[in-house]
Each structure stands twice: as C-alpha cells, then as structure tokens.
N, C-alpha and C. Protein backbone atom coordinates (compact mmCIF):
# COMPACT_ATOMS: atom_id res chain seq x y z
N UNK A 1 124.68 44.20 121.26
CA UNK A 1 124.84 45.30 122.17
C UNK A 1 124.24 46.55 121.54
N UNK A 2 123.79 47.48 122.39
CA UNK A 2 123.13 48.69 121.93
C UNK A 2 123.50 49.84 122.85
N UNK A 3 123.78 50.99 122.27
CA UNK A 3 124.02 52.18 123.06
C UNK A 3 123.49 53.39 122.30
N UNK A 4 123.14 54.43 123.05
CA UNK A 4 122.72 55.68 122.43
C UNK A 4 123.78 56.75 122.71
N UNK A 5 123.92 57.65 121.77
CA UNK A 5 124.88 58.74 121.88
C UNK A 5 124.11 60.05 121.80
N UNK A 6 124.25 60.86 122.85
CA UNK A 6 123.55 62.14 122.85
C UNK A 6 124.51 63.32 122.84
N UNK A 7 125.82 63.06 122.95
CA UNK A 7 126.81 64.12 122.84
C UNK A 7 128.15 63.52 122.40
N UNK A 8 129.06 64.38 121.98
CA UNK A 8 130.33 63.91 121.43
C UNK A 8 131.16 63.14 122.45
N UNK A 9 131.08 63.54 123.72
CA UNK A 9 131.84 62.85 124.76
C UNK A 9 131.43 61.39 124.89
N UNK A 10 130.14 61.11 124.77
CA UNK A 10 129.68 59.71 124.84
C UNK A 10 130.24 58.89 123.69
N UNK A 11 130.36 59.48 122.53
CA UNK A 11 130.93 58.77 121.40
C UNK A 11 132.40 58.46 121.66
N UNK A 12 133.13 59.42 122.20
CA UNK A 12 134.54 59.19 122.53
C UNK A 12 134.69 58.10 123.59
N UNK A 13 133.75 58.02 124.53
CA UNK A 13 133.78 56.99 125.58
C UNK A 13 133.70 55.59 124.99
N UNK A 14 132.91 55.42 123.93
CA UNK A 14 132.80 54.10 123.30
C UNK A 14 134.16 53.63 122.81
N UNK A 15 134.89 54.52 122.16
CA UNK A 15 136.18 54.14 121.59
C UNK A 15 137.28 54.09 122.64
N UNK A 16 137.02 54.65 123.83
CA UNK A 16 137.97 54.54 124.93
C UNK A 16 137.74 53.27 125.74
N UNK A 17 136.55 52.72 125.67
CA UNK A 17 136.21 51.51 126.42
C UNK A 17 136.78 50.28 125.70
N UNK A 18 137.69 49.54 126.34
CA UNK A 18 138.32 48.40 125.65
C UNK A 18 137.31 47.35 125.17
N UNK A 19 136.28 47.07 125.95
CA UNK A 19 135.30 46.06 125.55
C UNK A 19 134.55 46.49 124.30
N UNK A 20 133.99 47.71 124.33
CA UNK A 20 133.20 48.19 123.18
C UNK A 20 134.08 48.43 121.95
N UNK A 21 135.28 48.93 122.16
CA UNK A 21 136.20 49.19 121.04
C UNK A 21 136.54 47.90 120.30
N UNK A 22 136.61 46.79 121.00
CA UNK A 22 137.02 45.53 120.40
C UNK A 22 135.88 44.72 119.80
N UNK A 23 134.66 45.21 119.85
CA UNK A 23 133.57 44.54 119.16
C UNK A 23 133.78 44.77 117.66
N UNK A 24 133.90 43.69 116.91
CA UNK A 24 134.24 43.80 115.49
C UNK A 24 133.18 44.51 114.66
N UNK A 25 131.93 44.16 114.85
CA UNK A 25 130.87 44.72 114.01
C UNK A 25 130.20 45.87 114.74
N UNK A 26 130.16 47.03 114.08
CA UNK A 26 129.49 48.20 114.62
C UNK A 26 128.58 48.76 113.54
N UNK A 27 127.38 49.13 113.94
CA UNK A 27 126.43 49.74 113.02
C UNK A 27 126.00 51.07 113.63
N UNK A 28 126.22 52.16 112.90
CA UNK A 28 125.84 53.49 113.36
C UNK A 28 124.51 53.86 112.73
N UNK A 29 123.54 54.21 113.58
CA UNK A 29 122.20 54.58 113.12
C UNK A 29 121.95 56.06 113.34
N UNK A 30 121.19 56.66 112.45
CA UNK A 30 120.62 57.97 112.70
C UNK A 30 119.36 57.76 113.52
N UNK A 31 118.23 58.05 112.95
CA UNK A 31 116.96 57.86 113.66
C UNK A 31 116.66 56.38 113.85
N UNK A 32 116.85 55.59 112.80
CA UNK A 32 116.65 54.14 112.90
C UNK A 32 115.21 53.71 113.03
N UNK A 33 114.26 54.58 112.68
CA UNK A 33 112.85 54.24 112.89
C UNK A 33 112.35 53.16 111.93
N UNK A 34 113.10 52.87 110.89
CA UNK A 34 112.64 51.87 109.93
C UNK A 34 113.41 50.55 110.05
N UNK A 35 114.07 50.33 111.18
CA UNK A 35 114.87 49.11 111.36
C UNK A 35 114.40 48.31 112.56
N UNK A 36 114.56 47.01 112.46
CA UNK A 36 114.26 46.10 113.56
C UNK A 36 115.45 45.18 113.73
N UNK A 37 115.96 45.05 114.94
CA UNK A 37 117.11 44.19 115.20
C UNK A 37 116.70 43.02 116.08
N UNK A 38 117.14 41.85 115.67
CA UNK A 38 116.97 40.65 116.48
C UNK A 38 118.34 39.99 116.61
N UNK A 39 118.59 39.36 117.74
CA UNK A 39 119.91 38.84 118.09
C UNK A 39 120.52 37.93 117.03
N UNK A 40 119.74 37.05 116.46
CA UNK A 40 120.33 36.06 115.56
C UNK A 40 120.76 36.62 114.21
N UNK A 41 120.44 37.87 113.91
CA UNK A 41 120.80 38.44 112.61
C UNK A 41 121.91 39.49 112.68
N UNK A 42 122.16 40.07 113.83
CA UNK A 42 123.24 41.05 113.96
C UNK A 42 123.97 40.82 115.26
N UNK A 43 125.22 40.45 115.15
CA UNK A 43 126.06 40.20 116.32
C UNK A 43 127.12 41.29 116.37
N UNK A 44 126.79 42.38 117.04
CA UNK A 44 127.72 43.50 117.12
C UNK A 44 127.16 44.59 118.00
N UNK A 45 127.68 45.79 117.80
CA UNK A 45 127.27 46.95 118.58
C UNK A 45 126.48 47.90 117.70
N UNK A 46 125.27 48.23 118.11
CA UNK A 46 124.45 49.24 117.43
C UNK A 46 124.64 50.54 118.19
N UNK A 47 125.10 51.57 117.45
CA UNK A 47 125.32 52.89 118.04
C UNK A 47 124.24 53.81 117.48
N UNK A 48 123.31 54.15 118.33
CA UNK A 48 122.15 54.98 117.94
C UNK A 48 122.48 56.44 118.21
N UNK A 49 122.70 57.19 117.15
CA UNK A 49 123.08 58.60 117.27
C UNK A 49 121.85 59.45 117.57
N UNK A 50 121.92 60.20 118.64
CA UNK A 50 120.82 61.12 118.98
C UNK A 50 121.34 62.55 119.12
N UNK A 51 122.46 62.81 118.44
CA UNK A 51 123.02 64.16 118.45
C UNK A 51 122.09 65.10 117.72
N UNK A 52 121.91 66.29 118.25
CA UNK A 52 121.02 67.28 117.64
C UNK A 52 121.83 68.51 117.27
N UNK A 53 121.42 69.14 116.22
CA UNK A 53 122.04 70.41 115.84
C UNK A 53 122.07 70.59 114.34
N UNK A 54 122.05 71.84 113.94
CA UNK A 54 122.06 72.20 112.53
C UNK A 54 122.77 73.54 112.42
N UNK A 55 123.69 73.63 111.47
CA UNK A 55 124.34 74.92 111.21
C UNK A 55 124.37 75.15 109.71
N UNK A 56 124.41 76.42 109.34
CA UNK A 56 124.36 76.79 107.93
C UNK A 56 125.42 77.85 107.65
N UNK A 57 126.09 77.68 106.52
CA UNK A 57 126.99 78.72 106.03
C UNK A 57 126.71 78.93 104.55
N UNK A 58 126.90 80.17 104.11
CA UNK A 58 126.58 80.49 102.72
C UNK A 58 127.74 81.22 102.07
N UNK A 59 127.96 80.93 100.80
CA UNK A 59 128.87 81.68 99.95
C UNK A 59 128.06 82.15 98.75
N UNK A 60 128.69 82.81 97.83
CA UNK A 60 127.97 83.23 96.63
C UNK A 60 127.61 82.04 95.75
N UNK A 61 128.33 80.91 95.92
CA UNK A 61 128.11 79.74 95.07
C UNK A 61 127.32 78.61 95.73
N UNK A 62 127.26 78.60 97.06
CA UNK A 62 126.68 77.41 97.71
C UNK A 62 126.15 77.74 99.09
N UNK A 63 125.27 76.85 99.53
CA UNK A 63 124.81 76.83 100.91
C UNK A 63 125.25 75.48 101.48
N UNK A 64 125.94 75.51 102.61
CA UNK A 64 126.38 74.27 103.26
C UNK A 64 125.61 74.14 104.57
N UNK A 65 124.91 73.03 104.70
CA UNK A 65 124.15 72.75 105.92
C UNK A 65 124.79 71.55 106.59
N UNK A 66 125.26 71.72 107.81
CA UNK A 66 125.80 70.62 108.60
C UNK A 66 124.71 70.17 109.56
N UNK A 67 124.41 68.87 109.52
CA UNK A 67 123.30 68.33 110.29
C UNK A 67 123.82 67.20 111.17
N UNK A 68 123.52 67.27 112.46
CA UNK A 68 123.93 66.21 113.38
C UNK A 68 123.19 64.92 113.06
N UNK A 69 123.82 63.81 113.39
CA UNK A 69 123.33 62.49 112.99
C UNK A 69 121.98 62.12 113.58
N UNK A 70 121.56 62.76 114.65
CA UNK A 70 120.29 62.40 115.27
C UNK A 70 119.11 63.25 114.87
N UNK A 71 119.32 64.16 113.94
CA UNK A 71 118.21 65.01 113.50
C UNK A 71 117.22 64.21 112.65
N UNK A 72 115.98 64.58 112.71
CA UNK A 72 114.93 63.93 111.93
C UNK A 72 115.02 64.38 110.47
N UNK A 73 114.96 63.43 109.56
CA UNK A 73 115.05 63.71 108.13
C UNK A 73 113.96 64.69 107.67
N UNK A 74 112.74 64.46 108.08
CA UNK A 74 111.64 65.32 107.63
C UNK A 74 111.78 66.74 108.19
N UNK A 75 112.36 66.87 109.38
CA UNK A 75 112.61 68.21 109.92
C UNK A 75 113.63 68.95 109.05
N UNK A 76 114.63 68.24 108.58
CA UNK A 76 115.62 68.85 107.69
C UNK A 76 114.98 69.26 106.37
N UNK A 77 114.16 68.39 105.81
CA UNK A 77 113.47 68.72 104.56
C UNK A 77 112.59 69.96 104.75
N UNK A 78 111.85 70.00 105.84
CA UNK A 78 110.99 71.16 106.12
C UNK A 78 111.82 72.43 106.24
N UNK A 79 112.96 72.35 106.92
CA UNK A 79 113.83 73.50 107.08
C UNK A 79 114.32 74.01 105.72
N UNK A 80 114.78 73.08 104.87
CA UNK A 80 115.30 73.51 103.57
C UNK A 80 114.20 74.10 102.69
N UNK A 81 113.00 73.59 102.81
CA UNK A 81 111.88 74.14 102.02
C UNK A 81 111.51 75.54 102.54
N UNK A 82 111.50 75.72 103.87
CA UNK A 82 111.17 77.04 104.44
C UNK A 82 112.23 78.07 104.05
N UNK A 83 113.48 77.63 103.87
CA UNK A 83 114.56 78.54 103.49
C UNK A 83 114.71 78.67 101.97
N UNK A 84 113.79 78.02 101.24
CA UNK A 84 113.79 78.03 99.77
C UNK A 84 115.06 77.43 99.16
N UNK A 85 115.55 76.33 99.77
CA UNK A 85 116.71 75.60 99.23
C UNK A 85 116.25 74.37 98.46
N UNK A 86 115.26 74.50 97.65
CA UNK A 86 114.76 73.36 96.90
C UNK A 86 114.97 73.53 95.42
C-alpha cells in the first residue's frame, strides 16, 4: 500500500483509519527519490511525506532549524550555506 501526506490532517487520518492503522509494517519516506519498491520485497504501507516548511530560531549558542519531512535535502543545504551555517 502507498499513500502521500501533504498536511498534518492527512497523517492523522491514516492513524484514524482502522484498516491502515492495523497494517503491521509502515515505512515513512521523505523525498524517496533513491528508492524503488516492488511488491514481493515490502509488504506494508509506504507513507510518502510531502509536507513543506522550514522555520528557524536562534539563541546566542545555537541555531535550530525545523524542516518538514517533505523538503528537498539539497534545498536545505543551499539554505544553510546562504545563511552561513556551515
């Protein structure tokens, strides 16, 4: 089984649905561009996260960046480099 999640409500719906909730094996993917699934090797639910968003908070000691699961890795790297967080 396969589903995509584009907002938090859709994720909550999965766990509210008795059929999907009771599938034993679940695999949560971010972008998933480097994976290939075929039926005989994974018997479960693939949850493809497509949530978008990035927030930043700073203290004198640290910068905390919260990144949604569907953001592109290279976009995050580019952002941190542009902000001189390297």
